[in-house]
Amino acid sequence: VPVYDSVRWGGDETWLMREFGNQAAHGVMSYPEAFGSAARTDGVLAGSMWVNALIYGVPGKIFFPTHDLVAIGRTVTALLGAILIWSLFFVLKRLGVRPVIAACAVALMTISQGFALATHCARYDLLTGLALLWYVYFLARAGVMRRAGGEGATGHAFILGFAAVALLIFSRHM
């Protein structure tokens, strides 16, 4: 897993937790000890960090300094990993995949090195995976509804377009 002393590796966790905490507390995405520096923003269309600030920054503000900031972030990510595992199994079963095959798909995901690294960091990459999984499920279900004579094409196109734009607005990794 990544080195706990986050200064020594490229996916620095401490600065992310500090920036998310600062945004949750003050509404500004910046490293709190970088006095005089400009607030870091990519604008609304390039990615909003508010969801990440709420998910990571609020627990960081609540439990720090009695608990280690990186451990708090890694705990949040571990919970997101558990939700992703459950979501993948749930989505596959709802789409008609047999439980044994769905369990094998979950097992393949969880034994991958990428999943192990992603679930052991205080980073929001699993949140992107969750958003993509549920969006693909939504698209799959919408296609099934349309074939079954569900809602009309105009409403259908609007919902799909709105969801696509929302994903672009709220995740910088999309």
C-alpha atoms as a PDB file:
ATOM      1  CA  VAL A   1       0.000   0.000   0.000  1.00  0.00           C
ATOM      2  CA  PRO A   2       1.157   3.601  -0.274  1.00  0.00           C
ATOM      3  CA  VAL A   3       3.718   4.795   2.252  1.00  0.00           C
ATOM      4  CA  TYR A   4       1.962   6.237   5.281  1.00  0.00           C
ATOM      5  CA  ASP A   5       4.270   9.269   5.416  1.00  0.00           C
ATOM      6  CA  SER A   6       2.509  10.920   2.502  1.00  0.00           C
ATOM      7  CA  VAL A   7       5.287  13.378   1.671  1.00  0.00           C
ATOM      8  CA  ARG A   8       7.212  10.573   0.004  1.00  0.00           C
ATOM      9  CA  TRP A   9       4.854   9.458  -2.735  1.00  0.00           C
ATOM     10  CA  GLY A  10       2.981  11.036  -5.611  1.00  0.00           C
ATOM     11  CA  GLY A  11      -0.560  10.443  -4.351  1.00  0.00           C
ATOM     12  CA  ASP A  12      -0.078  12.660  -1.310  1.00  0.00           C
ATOM     13  CA  GLU A  13      -2.978  12.056   1.070  1.00  0.00           C
ATOM     14  CA  THR A  14      -2.314  14.663   3.740  1.00  0.00           C
ATOM     15  CA  TRP A  15      -2.692  17.680   1.472  1.00  0.00           C
ATOM     16  CA  LEU A  16      -5.943  16.291   0.055  1.00  0.00           C
ATOM     17  CA  MET A  17      -7.409  15.832   3.526  1.00  0.00           C
ATOM     18  CA  ARG A  18      -6.221  19.313   4.579  1.00  0.00           C
ATOM     19  CA  GLU A  19      -7.681  20.929   1.440  1.00  0.00           C
ATOM     20  CA  PHE A  20     -10.995  19.069   1.759  1.00  0.00           C
ATOM     21  CA  GLY A  21     -11.219  20.075   5.415  1.00  0.00           C
ATOM     22  CA  ASN A  22     -10.491  23.697   4.516  1.00  0.00           C
ATOM     23  CA  GLN A  23     -13.170  23.682   1.821  1.00  0.00           C
ATOM     24  CA  ALA A  24     -15.716  22.057   4.151  1.00  0.00           C
ATOM     25  CA  ALA A  25     -14.979  24.615   6.887  1.00  0.00           C
ATOM     26  CA  HIS A  26     -14.380  27.807   4.874  1.00  0.00           C
ATOM     27  CA  GLY A  27     -15.671  27.160   1.369  1.00  0.00           C
ATOM     28  CA  VAL A  28     -12.222  27.547  -0.205  1.00  0.00           C
ATOM     29  CA  MET A  29     -10.252  24.737  -1.847  1.00  0.00           C
ATOM     30  CA  SER A  30      -6.718  25.577  -0.726  1.00  0.00           C
ATOM     31  CA  TYR A  31      -4.022  24.219   1.512  1.00  0.00           C
ATOM     32  CA  PRO A  32      -4.587  26.066   4.822  1.00  0.00           C
ATOM     33  CA  GLU A  33      -0.892  26.679   5.572  1.00  0.00           C
ATOM     34  CA  ALA A  34      -0.134  28.118   2.118  1.00  0.00           C
ATOM     35  CA  PHE A  35      -0.610  31.685   3.282  1.00  0.00           C
ATOM     36  CA  GLY A  36      -1.149  34.182   0.485  1.00  0.00           C
ATOM     37  CA  SER A  37      -1.621  31.553  -2.194  1.00  0.00           C
ATOM     38  CA  ALA A  38      -4.569  31.671  -4.545  1.00  0.00           C
ATOM     39  CA  ALA A  39      -7.492  29.350  -3.960  1.00  0.00           C
ATOM     40  CA  ARG A  40      -7.247  26.302  -6.192  1.00  0.00           C
ATOM     41  CA  THR A  41     -10.252  25.901  -8.410  1.00  0.00           C
ATOM     42  CA  ASP A  42     -10.873  24.273 -11.732  1.00  0.00           C
ATOM     43  CA  GLY A  43     -14.244  25.905 -12.193  1.00  0.00           C
ATOM     44  CA  VAL A  44     -17.604  24.214 -12.196  1.00  0.00           C
ATOM     45  CA  LEU A  45     -17.248  22.437 -15.532  1.00  0.00           C
ATOM     46  CA  ALA A  46     -13.763  21.050 -14.836  1.00  0.00           C
ATOM     47  CA  GLY A  47     -14.832  19.477 -11.583  1.00  0.00           C
ATOM     48  CA  SER A  48     -16.429  20.487  -8.347  1.00  0.00           C
ATOM     49  CA  MET A  49     -14.768  19.260  -5.195  1.00  0.00           C
ATOM     50  CA  TRP A  50     -17.747  19.920  -2.898  1.00  0.00           C
ATOM     51  CA  VAL A  51     -18.907  16.312  -2.782  1.00  0.00           C
ATOM     52  CA  ASN A  52     -15.362  15.202  -1.949  1.00  0.00           C
ATOM     53  CA  ALA A  53     -15.025  17.961   0.645  1.00  0.00           C
ATOM     54  CA  LEU A  54     -18.201  16.782   2.338  1.00  0.00           C
ATOM     55  CA  ILE A  55     -17.275  13.101   2.265  1.00  0.00           C
ATOM     56  CA  TYR A  56     -13.643  13.551   3.344  1.00  0.00           C
ATOM     57  CA  GLY A  57     -13.412  17.034   4.834  1.00  0.00           C
ATOM     58  CA  VAL A  58     -16.286  16.845   7.306  1.00  0.00           C
ATOM     59  CA  PRO A  59     -15.062  13.620   9.004  1.00  0.00           C
ATOM     60  CA  GLY A  60     -11.562  15.132   8.996  1.00  0.00           C
ATOM     61  CA  LYS A  61     -12.844  18.225  10.789  1.00  0.00           C
ATOM     62  CA  ILE A  62     -14.848  16.147  13.260  1.00  0.00           C
ATOM     63  CA  PHE A  63     -12.205  13.556  14.214  1.00  0.00           C
ATOM     64  CA  PHE A  64      -8.907  15.470  13.798  1.00  0.00           C
ATOM     65  CA  PRO A  65      -6.708  16.012  15.910  1.00  0.00           C
ATOM     66  CA  THR A  66      -7.831  13.158  18.187  1.00  0.00           C
ATOM     67  CA  HIS A  67      -7.317  10.764  15.246  1.00  0.00           C
ATOM     68  CA  ASP A  68      -4.732  10.779  12.481  1.00  0.00           C
ATOM     69  CA  LEU A  69      -5.906  12.724   9.414  1.00  0.00           C
ATOM     70  CA  VAL A  70      -4.690  10.154   6.882  1.00  0.00           C
ATOM     71  CA  ALA A  71      -6.267   7.292   8.873  1.00  0.00           C
ATOM     72  CA  ILE A  72      -9.585   9.169   8.807  1.00  0.00           C
ATOM     73  CA  GLY A  73      -9.361   9.546   5.031  1.00  0.00           C
ATOM     74  CA  ARG A  74      -8.395   5.920   4.557  1.00  0.00           C
ATOM     75  CA  THR A  75     -11.353   4.836   6.698  1.00  0.00           C
ATOM     76  CA  VAL A  76     -13.712   6.888   4.534  1.00  0.00           C
ATOM     77  CA  THR A  77     -12.179   5.314   1.419  1.00  0.00           C
ATOM     78  CA  ALA A  78     -12.518   1.815   2.914  1.00  0.00           C
ATOM     79  CA  LEU A  79     -16.222   2.494   3.483  1.00  0.00           C
ATOM     80  CA  LEU A  80     -16.531   3.682  -0.130  1.00  0.00           C
ATOM     81  CA  GLY A  81     -14.785   0.447  -1.190  1.00  0.00           C
ATOM     82  CA  ALA A  82     -17.326  -1.629   0.740  1.00  0.00           C
ATOM     83  CA  ILE A  83     -20.157   0.330  -0.894  1.00  0.00           C
ATOM     84  CA  LEU A  84     -18.556  -0.258  -4.316  1.00  0.00           C
ATOM     85  CA  ILE A  85     -18.329  -4.022  -3.674  1.00  0.00           C
ATOM     86  CA  TRP A  86     -21.979  -4.142  -2.611  1.00  0.00           C
ATOM     87  CA  SER A  87     -23.024  -1.908  -5.531  1.00  0.00           C
ATOM     88  CA  LEU A  88     -21.299  -4.053  -8.128  1.00  0.00           C
ATOM     89  CA  PHE A  89     -22.942  -7.212  -6.813  1.00  0.00           C
ATOM     90  CA  PHE A  90     -26.344  -5.498  -6.561  1.00  0.00           C
ATOM     91  CA  VAL A  91     -26.163  -4.007 -10.061  1.00  0.00           C
ATOM     92  CA  LEU A  92     -25.089  -7.275 -11.647  1.00  0.00           C
ATOM     93  CA  LYS A  93     -27.897  -9.183  -9.932  1.00  0.00           C
ATOM     94  CA  ARG A  94     -30.481  -6.547 -10.926  1.00  0.00           C
ATOM     95  CA  LEU A  95     -29.328  -6.780 -14.536  1.00  0.00           C
ATOM     96  CA  GLY A  96     -30.012 -10.528 -14.495  1.00  0.00           C
ATOM     97  CA  VAL A  97     -26.513 -11.899 -13.963  1.00  0.00           C
ATOM     98  CA  ARG A  98     -26.522 -15.143 -11.982  1.00  0.00           C
ATOM     99  CA  PRO A  99     -25.301 -14.712  -8.371  1.00  0.00           C
ATOM    100  CA  VAL A 100     -22.298 -17.011  -8.882  1.00  0.00           C
ATOM    101  CA  ILE A 101     -21.103 -14.981 -11.882  1.00  0.00           C
ATOM    102  CA  ALA A 102     -21.764 -11.706 -10.007  1.00  0.00           C
ATOM    103  CA  ALA A 103     -19.724 -12.990  -7.050  1.00  0.00           C
ATOM    104  CA  CYS A 104     -16.882 -13.934  -9.423  1.00  0.00           C
ATOM    105  CA  ALA A 105     -16.939 -10.428 -10.921  1.00  0.00           C
ATOM    106  CA  VAL A 106     -16.733  -8.911  -7.428  1.00  0.00           C
ATOM    107  CA  ALA A 107     -13.881 -11.280  -6.555  1.00  0.00           C
ATOM    108  CA  LEU A 108     -11.962 -10.307  -9.703  1.00  0.00           C
ATOM    109  CA  MET A 109     -12.367  -6.627  -8.851  1.00  0.00           C
ATOM    110  CA  THR A 110     -11.319  -7.016  -5.228  1.00  0.00           C
ATOM    111  CA  ILE A 111      -8.180  -9.055  -5.933  1.00  0.00           C
ATOM    112  CA  SER A 112      -6.841  -6.564  -8.470  1.00  0.00           C
ATOM    113  CA  GLN A 113      -3.839  -4.499  -7.441  1.00  0.00           C
ATOM    114  CA  GLY A 114      -5.580  -1.284  -8.495  1.00  0.00           C
ATOM    115  CA  PHE A 115      -8.506  -1.932  -6.158  1.00  0.00           C
ATOM    116  CA  ALA A 116      -6.136  -2.765  -3.288  1.00  0.00           C
ATOM    117  CA  LEU A 117      -4.233   0.496  -3.774  1.00  0.00           C
ATOM    118  CA  ALA A 118      -7.390   2.561  -4.269  1.00  0.00           C
ATOM    119  CA  THR A 119      -9.029   1.245  -1.097  1.00  0.00           C
ATOM    120  CA  HIS A 120      -5.940   1.873   1.034  1.00  0.00           C
ATOM    121  CA  CYS A 121      -5.533   5.596   0.258  1.00  0.00           C
ATOM    122  CA  ALA A 122      -7.233   8.752   1.436  1.00  0.00           C
ATOM    123  CA  ARG A 123      -8.220   9.583  -2.157  1.00  0.00           C
ATOM    124  CA  TYR A 124     -11.576   9.953  -3.857  1.00  0.00           C
ATOM    125  CA  ASP A 125     -11.001   7.674  -6.866  1.00  0.00           C
ATOM    126  CA  LEU A 126     -13.495   5.071  -5.619  1.00  0.00           C
ATOM    127  CA  LEU A 127     -16.154   7.769  -5.596  1.00  0.00           C
ATOM    128  CA  THR A 128     -15.580   8.147  -9.330  1.00  0.00           C
ATOM    129  CA  GLY A 129     -15.942   4.387  -9.740  1.00  0.00           C
ATOM    130  CA  LEU A 130     -19.216   4.417  -7.807  1.00  0.00           C
ATOM    131  CA  ALA A 131     -20.584   7.260  -9.925  1.00  0.00           C
ATOM    132  CA  LEU A 132     -19.649   5.453 -13.143  1.00  0.00           C
ATOM    133  CA  LEU A 133     -21.102   2.132 -11.990  1.00  0.00           C
ATOM    134  CA  TRP A 134     -24.438   3.643 -11.019  1.00  0.00           C
ATOM    135  CA  TYR A 135     -24.573   5.745 -14.192  1.00  0.00           C
ATOM    136  CA  VAL A 136     -23.990   2.686 -16.380  1.00  0.00           C
ATOM    137  CA  TYR A 137     -26.674   0.844 -14.388  1.00  0.00           C
ATOM    138  CA  PHE A 138     -29.026   3.778 -14.928  1.00  0.00           C
ATOM    139  CA  LEU A 139     -28.334   3.687 -18.663  1.00  0.00           C
ATOM    140  CA  ALA A 140     -28.872  -0.074 -18.780  1.00  0.00           C
ATOM    141  CA  ARG A 141     -32.167   0.204 -16.892  1.00  0.00           C
ATOM    142  CA  ALA A 142     -33.278   3.141 -19.049  1.00  0.00           C
ATOM    143  CA  GLY A 143     -32.665   1.058 -22.173  1.00  0.00           C
ATOM    144  CA  VAL A 144     -34.734  -1.774 -20.728  1.00  0.00           C
ATOM    145  CA  MET A 145     -37.550   0.641 -19.815  1.00  0.00           C
ATOM    146  CA  ARG A 146     -37.569   2.130 -23.299  1.00  0.00           C
ATOM    147  CA  ARG A 147     -37.790  -1.291 -24.955  1.00  0.00           C
ATOM    148  CA  ALA A 148     -40.583  -2.255 -22.565  1.00  0.00           C
ATOM    149  CA  GLY A 149     -42.634   0.804 -23.578  1.00  0.00           C
ATOM    150  CA  GLY A 150     -41.659   2.986 -20.611  1.00  0.00           C
ATOM    151  CA  GLU A 151     -41.295   6.764 -20.682  1.00  0.00           C
ATOM    152  CA  GLY A 152     -41.127   8.688 -23.965  1.00  0.00           C
ATOM    153  CA  ALA A 153     -38.021   9.393 -26.004  1.00  0.00           C
ATOM    154  CA  THR A 154     -37.944  13.141 -25.214  1.00  0.00           C
ATOM    155  CA  GLY A 155     -38.031  12.673 -21.440  1.00  0.00           C
ATOM    156  CA  HIS A 156     -35.615   9.804 -21.786  1.00  0.00           C
ATOM    157  CA  ALA A 157     -33.061  11.876 -23.711  1.00  0.00           C
ATOM    158  CA  PHE A 158     -33.386  14.758 -21.253  1.00  0.00           C
ATOM    159  CA  ILE A 159     -32.719  12.549 -18.228  1.00  0.00           C
ATOM    160  CA  LEU A 160     -29.724  10.848 -19.842  1.00  0.00           C
ATOM    161  CA  GLY A 161     -28.265  14.185 -20.973  1.00  0.00           C
ATOM    162  CA  PHE A 162     -28.821  15.759 -17.561  1.00  0.00           C
ATOM    163  CA  ALA A 163     -27.113  12.832 -15.816  1.00  0.00           C
ATOM    164  CA  ALA A 164     -24.137  13.001 -18.196  1.00  0.00           C
ATOM    165  CA  VAL A 165     -23.671  16.742 -17.618  1.00  0.00           C
ATOM    166  CA  ALA A 166     -24.070  16.309 -13.848  1.00  0.00           C
ATOM    167  CA  LEU A 167     -21.332  13.665 -13.818  1.00  0.00           C
ATOM    168  CA  LEU A 168     -18.995  15.987 -15.719  1.00  0.00           C
ATOM    169  CA  ILE A 169     -19.733  18.874 -13.385  1.00  0.00           C
ATOM    170  CA  PHE A 170     -19.270  16.994 -10.130  1.00  0.00           C
ATOM    171  CA  SER A 171     -16.256  14.809 -10.816  1.00  0.00           C
ATOM    172  CA  ARG A 172     -12.967  16.053 -12.168  1.00  0.00           C
ATOM    173  CA  HIS A 173     -11.939  12.496 -13.124  1.00  0.00           C
ATOM    174  CA  MET A 174     -14.843  11.921 -15.512  1.00  0.00           C
END
